[in-house]
Amino acid sequence: MDSGERPNWAPVDVDLARPSIARVYDYWLGGAHNFAIDRAVADKVLADVPVIKSIVLNHRAFLRRAVRFLLAQGIRQFLDLGSGIPTVGNVHEIAQATDPGARVVYVDVDAVAVAHSRAILTGNELVSVLQADVRDAKQVLKSPEVQELLDFSQPIGVLMIALLHFVPDSEDPRGIVADYRDALPDGSYLTISHAGYEEGDWDPAWDDAKQVYNRGVSEMCFRRKHEVQALFEGFDLVEPGVARLPLWRPESPDDVDEDAARFISFGGVGRKA
């Protein structure tokens, strides 16, 4: 889509001449909700950090597997925090393919992502979009979008996909998770994917790539496996626990390549007992 053409899903108050991180991610995911300016930024980052597309696709593949797992456990309502633009196999598509009555609330602080999301999801009464800072759990949880669509007497699946690595330790990511945990009914689930690596895994060649990503997209905080595990305090981790993304319940051997054991992101799902 050329940046000079405004399709019917692009709200009139969104500046098509300015890149959006949400649309950059949409482009990396193979989506259609992006413009020339977004693709230019995305391609520049890809030229310097070719592995970024594989990383983004692995986070999305993990999301799909995790949502299907939650559906198999009977979860029918989801709170997707830091959702971006809900396209290309996102939560409502997966959930409502299994159960048309499944409910989803998407939350993002990015006005561009929210505006696009609302336009795309018009007419789907079981999906809501909230513009809010996910770090403020009280604001999110008391919002009409959440209160009117989600039933807190029944288990809820909370999703934090590629989110918490943008929250530095100074902003207390464990405390943020705990605020959501404490509001959830027993039997609810938490799903997290997070950039990270173990000692000895880091390739010095990635240092330049990390700097390019931080400058061109957003600054990221890598955490070790035990630090990601600590985010699940108060939840019982399901098998295989916190694992490299390609190794968390792969759907086929083809999903696991020779670099899976050193993949620079972790994922896990925990149940509140």
Protein backbone atom coordinates (compact mmCIF):
# COMPACT_ATOMS: atom_id res chain seq x y z
CA MET A 1 0.00 0.00 0.00
CA ASP A 2 1.46 3.36 -1.03
CA SER A 3 1.66 5.92 1.78
CA GLY A 4 -0.35 8.36 -0.35
CA GLU A 5 -3.40 6.08 -0.50
CA ARG A 6 -5.62 5.75 2.55
CA PRO A 7 -7.45 2.39 2.68
CA ASN A 8 -10.76 2.07 4.51
CA TRP A 9 -9.06 0.45 7.53
CA ALA A 10 -6.74 3.43 8.11
CA PRO A 11 -8.38 6.00 10.45
CA VAL A 12 -8.35 9.59 9.18
CA ASP A 13 -6.39 10.84 12.19
CA VAL A 14 -3.43 8.51 11.53
CA ASP A 15 -0.52 10.21 9.74
CA LEU A 16 0.45 7.92 6.86
CA ALA A 17 3.72 9.81 6.35
CA ARG A 18 5.10 8.83 9.77
CA PRO A 19 6.31 5.29 10.51
CA SER A 20 4.59 3.28 13.22
CA ILE A 21 6.32 0.55 15.22
CA ALA A 22 3.07 -1.41 15.20
CA ARG A 23 2.92 -1.29 11.39
CA VAL A 24 6.64 -2.12 11.13
CA TYR A 25 5.93 -5.30 13.11
CA ASP A 26 2.90 -5.98 10.93
CA TYR A 27 5.16 -5.83 7.88
CA TRP A 28 7.71 -8.21 9.43
CA LEU A 29 4.85 -10.60 10.17
CA GLY A 30 3.71 -10.54 6.55
CA GLY A 31 0.63 -8.43 7.22
CA ALA A 32 -1.06 -5.91 4.95
CA HIS A 33 -1.61 -3.10 7.47
CA ASN A 34 1.51 -1.09 6.69
CA PHE A 35 2.70 1.62 4.33
CA ALA A 36 5.78 2.53 2.32
CA ILE A 37 7.25 4.57 5.18
CA ASP A 38 6.85 1.60 7.55
CA ARG A 39 8.43 -0.81 5.08
CA ALA A 40 11.37 1.54 4.56
CA VAL A 41 12.11 1.57 8.30
CA ALA A 42 11.56 -2.19 8.57
CA ASP A 43 13.84 -2.96 5.62
CA LYS A 44 16.59 -0.72 7.00
CA VAL A 45 16.55 -2.58 10.31
CA LEU A 46 16.43 -5.93 8.49
CA ALA A 47 19.45 -4.97 6.40
CA ASP A 48 21.47 -4.47 9.58
CA VAL A 49 19.74 -7.15 11.70
CA PRO A 50 18.58 -9.93 9.34
CA VAL A 51 17.72 -12.24 12.24
CA ILE A 52 15.02 -9.86 13.52
CA LYS A 53 12.37 -11.26 11.19
CA SER A 54 12.96 -14.81 12.45
CA ILE A 55 12.74 -13.57 16.02
CA VAL A 56 9.46 -11.72 15.42
CA LEU A 57 7.97 -14.72 13.59
CA ASN A 58 8.99 -17.04 16.43
CA HIS A 59 7.27 -14.83 19.01
CA ARG A 60 4.11 -14.92 16.89
CA ALA A 61 4.32 -18.69 16.40
CA PHE A 62 4.69 -19.09 20.17
CA LEU A 63 1.60 -16.91 20.65
CA ARG A 64 -0.41 -19.19 18.36
CA ARG A 65 0.73 -22.35 20.15
CA ALA A 66 0.09 -20.84 23.58
CA VAL A 67 -3.41 -19.65 22.68
CA ARG A 68 -4.28 -23.09 21.28
CA PHE A 69 -2.97 -24.65 24.50
CA LEU A 70 -5.13 -22.30 26.60
CA LEU A 71 -8.17 -23.08 24.46
CA ALA A 72 -7.55 -26.78 25.08
CA GLN A 73 -7.61 -26.02 28.83
CA GLY A 74 -11.03 -24.42 28.47
CA ILE A 75 -9.99 -20.75 28.42
CA ARG A 76 -12.46 -18.68 26.41
CA GLN A 77 -11.51 -15.12 27.36
CA PHE A 78 -8.20 -13.38 26.78
CA LEU A 79 -6.49 -10.15 27.82
CA ASP A 80 -3.72 -9.37 25.32
CA LEU A 81 -1.38 -6.74 26.77
CA GLY A 82 0.85 -4.77 24.39
CA SER A 83 -1.02 -6.29 21.47
CA GLY A 84 0.02 -4.03 18.60
CA ILE A 85 -2.16 -4.37 15.48
CA PRO A 86 -4.21 -7.60 15.72
CA THR A 87 -3.55 -9.02 12.28
CA VAL A 88 -1.90 -12.13 10.82
CA GLY A 89 -3.10 -14.96 13.03
CA ASN A 90 -3.71 -12.96 16.16
CA VAL A 91 -5.59 -13.97 19.28
CA HIS A 92 -9.19 -13.38 18.25
CA GLU A 93 -8.73 -15.24 14.96
CA ILE A 94 -7.30 -18.31 16.71
CA ALA A 95 -9.73 -18.26 19.63
CA GLN A 96 -12.89 -17.62 17.63
CA ALA A 97 -11.96 -20.30 15.09
CA THR A 98 -12.23 -22.76 18.00
CA ASP A 99 -15.15 -21.06 19.73
CA PRO A 100 -17.01 -18.19 18.01
CA GLY A 101 -18.04 -17.03 21.48
CA ALA A 102 -14.48 -16.46 22.69
CA ARG A 103 -13.81 -12.93 23.94
CA VAL A 104 -10.64 -10.86 23.59
CA VAL A 105 -9.55 -7.47 24.88
CA TYR A 106 -6.52 -5.98 23.17
CA VAL A 107 -4.54 -3.34 25.08
CA ASP A 108 -1.84 -1.07 23.69
CA VAL A 109 -0.51 2.38 24.56
CA ASP A 110 0.29 3.21 20.91
CA ALA A 111 -2.48 5.42 19.52
CA VAL A 112 -1.68 4.30 15.97
CA ALA A 113 -1.99 0.61 16.87
CA VAL A 114 -5.25 1.24 18.73
CA ALA A 115 -6.77 3.31 15.94
CA HIS A 116 -5.93 0.67 13.33
CA SER A 117 -7.18 -2.09 15.62
CA ARG A 118 -10.54 -0.44 16.21
CA ALA A 119 -11.02 0.09 12.48
CA ILE A 120 -10.09 -3.50 11.64
CA LEU A 121 -12.29 -5.02 14.36
CA THR A 122 -15.43 -2.97 13.73
CA GLY A 123 -18.44 -5.28 13.91
CA ASN A 124 -16.84 -7.94 16.12
CA GLU A 125 -18.76 -7.42 19.35
CA LEU A 126 -16.73 -10.02 21.25
CA VAL A 127 -13.45 -8.15 20.74
CA SER A 128 -12.57 -4.82 22.33
CA VAL A 129 -9.57 -2.51 22.03
CA LEU A 130 -8.30 -0.37 24.89
CA GLN A 131 -5.69 2.37 24.67
CA ALA A 132 -3.83 2.27 27.98
CA ASP A 133 -0.39 1.85 29.49
CA VAL A 134 -0.21 -1.82 30.44
CA ARG A 135 2.14 -0.91 33.29
CA ASP A 136 -0.88 0.55 35.07
CA ALA A 137 -2.80 -2.64 35.81
CA LYS A 138 -5.46 -0.87 37.85
CA GLN A 139 -6.31 1.45 34.96
CA VAL A 140 -6.46 -1.46 32.53
CA LEU A 141 -8.52 -3.73 34.77
CA LYS A 142 -11.11 -1.13 35.77
CA SER A 143 -11.65 0.09 32.20
CA PRO A 144 -15.10 -0.37 30.65
CA GLU A 145 -13.54 -2.37 27.81
CA VAL A 146 -12.25 -4.99 30.26
CA GLN A 147 -15.10 -4.88 32.78
CA GLU A 148 -17.85 -5.19 30.17
CA LEU A 149 -16.28 -7.98 28.11
CA LEU A 150 -14.36 -10.18 30.55
CA ASP A 151 -15.99 -12.21 33.35
CA PHE A 152 -13.69 -12.23 36.38
CA SER A 153 -15.63 -15.09 37.95
CA GLN A 154 -14.19 -17.32 35.21
CA PRO A 155 -10.54 -18.04 34.27
CA ILE A 156 -8.82 -15.58 31.95
CA GLY A 157 -5.78 -15.98 29.74
CA VAL A 158 -3.41 -13.02 30.11
CA LEU A 159 -0.90 -12.62 27.29
CA MET A 160 2.34 -10.65 27.52
CA ILE A 161 3.96 -11.43 24.19
CA ALA A 162 7.24 -9.61 23.45
CA LEU A 163 6.20 -7.00 26.01
CA LEU A 164 8.19 -7.14 29.24
CA HIS A 165 11.59 -6.86 27.57
CA PHE A 166 10.60 -3.23 26.92
CA VAL A 167 10.12 -2.70 30.67
CA PRO A 168 13.40 -2.00 32.51
CA ASP A 169 14.04 -3.25 36.04
CA SER A 170 13.57 0.32 37.29
CA GLU A 171 9.88 0.05 36.33
CA ASP A 172 9.43 -3.21 38.29
CA PRO A 173 8.20 -5.74 35.72
CA ARG A 174 7.63 -8.35 38.46
CA GLY A 175 5.38 -5.90 40.27
CA ILE A 176 3.43 -5.20 37.10
CA VAL A 177 2.82 -8.92 36.55
CA ALA A 178 1.84 -9.34 40.20
CA ASP A 179 -0.80 -6.61 39.90
CA TYR A 180 -2.51 -8.56 37.12
CA ARG A 181 -2.02 -11.89 38.91
CA ASP A 182 -3.69 -10.70 42.06
CA ALA A 183 -6.80 -9.62 40.12
CA LEU A 184 -7.20 -12.92 38.27
CA PRO A 185 -9.46 -15.74 39.40
CA ASP A 186 -7.92 -19.14 40.14
CA GLY A 187 -7.48 -21.26 37.05
CA SER A 188 -6.33 -18.30 34.98
CA TYR A 189 -3.18 -18.47 32.88
CA LEU A 190 -0.27 -16.13 32.17
CA THR A 191 1.70 -16.37 28.93
CA ILE A 192 5.01 -14.54 28.49
CA SER A 193 7.54 -14.36 25.69
CA HIS A 194 10.69 -12.40 26.42
CA ALA A 195 14.04 -11.61 24.80
CA GLY A 196 16.93 -13.22 26.66
CA TYR A 197 19.92 -15.52 26.65
CA GLU A 198 22.15 -17.48 29.02
CA GLU A 199 25.82 -16.94 29.79
CA GLY A 200 27.92 -18.18 26.92
CA ASP A 201 25.10 -17.88 24.37
CA TRP A 202 25.64 -14.28 23.35
CA ASP A 203 27.42 -13.80 20.05
CA PRO A 204 29.54 -10.59 20.14
CA ALA A 205 28.41 -9.99 16.56
CA TRP A 206 24.93 -9.31 17.95
CA ASP A 207 26.11 -6.22 19.84
CA ASP A 208 25.94 -4.01 16.74
CA ALA A 209 22.61 -5.56 15.79
CA LYS A 210 21.21 -4.82 19.23
CA GLN A 211 22.29 -1.18 18.97
CA VAL A 212 20.68 -0.85 15.53
CA TYR A 213 17.43 -2.31 16.85
CA ASN A 214 17.45 -0.10 19.92
CA ARG A 215 17.95 3.00 17.77
CA GLY A 216 15.56 2.07 14.97
CA VAL A 217 12.75 0.33 16.83
CA SER A 218 12.77 0.46 20.63
CA GLU A 219 15.25 -0.16 23.43
CA MET A 220 15.12 -3.72 24.71
CA CYS A 221 16.10 -5.30 28.03
CA PHE A 222 17.41 -8.86 27.72
CA ARG A 223 16.89 -11.12 30.75
CA ARG A 224 18.29 -14.51 31.71
CA LYS A 225 16.09 -17.59 31.97
CA HIS A 226 15.88 -17.44 35.77
CA GLU A 227 14.79 -13.80 35.55
CA VAL A 228 11.98 -14.73 33.15
CA GLN A 229 10.99 -17.59 35.46
CA ALA A 230 10.75 -15.10 38.34
CA LEU A 231 8.05 -13.22 36.44
CA PHE A 232 5.79 -16.24 36.95
CA GLU A 233 5.77 -15.94 40.75
CA GLY A 234 2.38 -17.17 41.98
CA PHE A 235 1.80 -19.30 38.88
CA ASP A 236 2.51 -22.99 38.33
CA LEU A 237 4.51 -23.34 35.13
CA VAL A 238 3.17 -25.89 32.66
CA GLU A 239 5.57 -28.22 30.87
CA PRO A 240 8.18 -27.58 29.59
CA GLY A 241 8.44 -24.53 31.86
CA VAL A 242 10.30 -21.49 30.58
CA ALA A 243 12.03 -22.60 27.38
CA ARG A 244 13.61 -21.18 24.26
CA LEU A 245 10.70 -20.14 22.06
CA PRO A 246 11.13 -22.79 19.35
CA LEU A 247 11.36 -25.47 22.07
CA TRP A 248 8.10 -24.59 23.83
CA ARG A 249 5.66 -27.28 22.66
CA PRO A 250 6.70 -27.25 18.98
CA GLU A 251 3.97 -28.47 16.64
CA SER A 252 6.38 -30.41 14.45
CA PRO A 253 10.09 -31.26 14.23
CA ASP A 254 10.33 -28.73 11.38
CA ASP A 255 9.72 -25.97 13.93
CA VAL A 256 12.99 -26.78 15.71
CA ASP A 257 16.19 -25.91 13.85
CA GLU A 258 19.81 -26.37 14.90
CA ASP A 259 19.91 -22.94 16.56
CA ALA A 260 16.79 -23.46 18.68
CA ALA A 261 18.76 -24.23 21.85
CA ARG A 262 20.46 -20.82 21.58
CA PHE A 263 17.46 -18.81 20.39
CA ILE A 264 17.60 -15.39 22.05
CA SER A 265 14.09 -15.41 23.49
CA PHE A 266 12.24 -17.46 26.09
CA GLY A 267 8.59 -18.34 26.53
CA GLY A 268 6.41 -19.91 29.15
CA VAL A 269 2.85 -20.42 30.37
CA GLY A 270 1.79 -20.55 34.02
CA ARG A 271 -1.50 -21.37 35.79
CA LYS A 272 -2.78 -19.57 38.84
CA ALA A 273 -3.81 -22.29 41.28
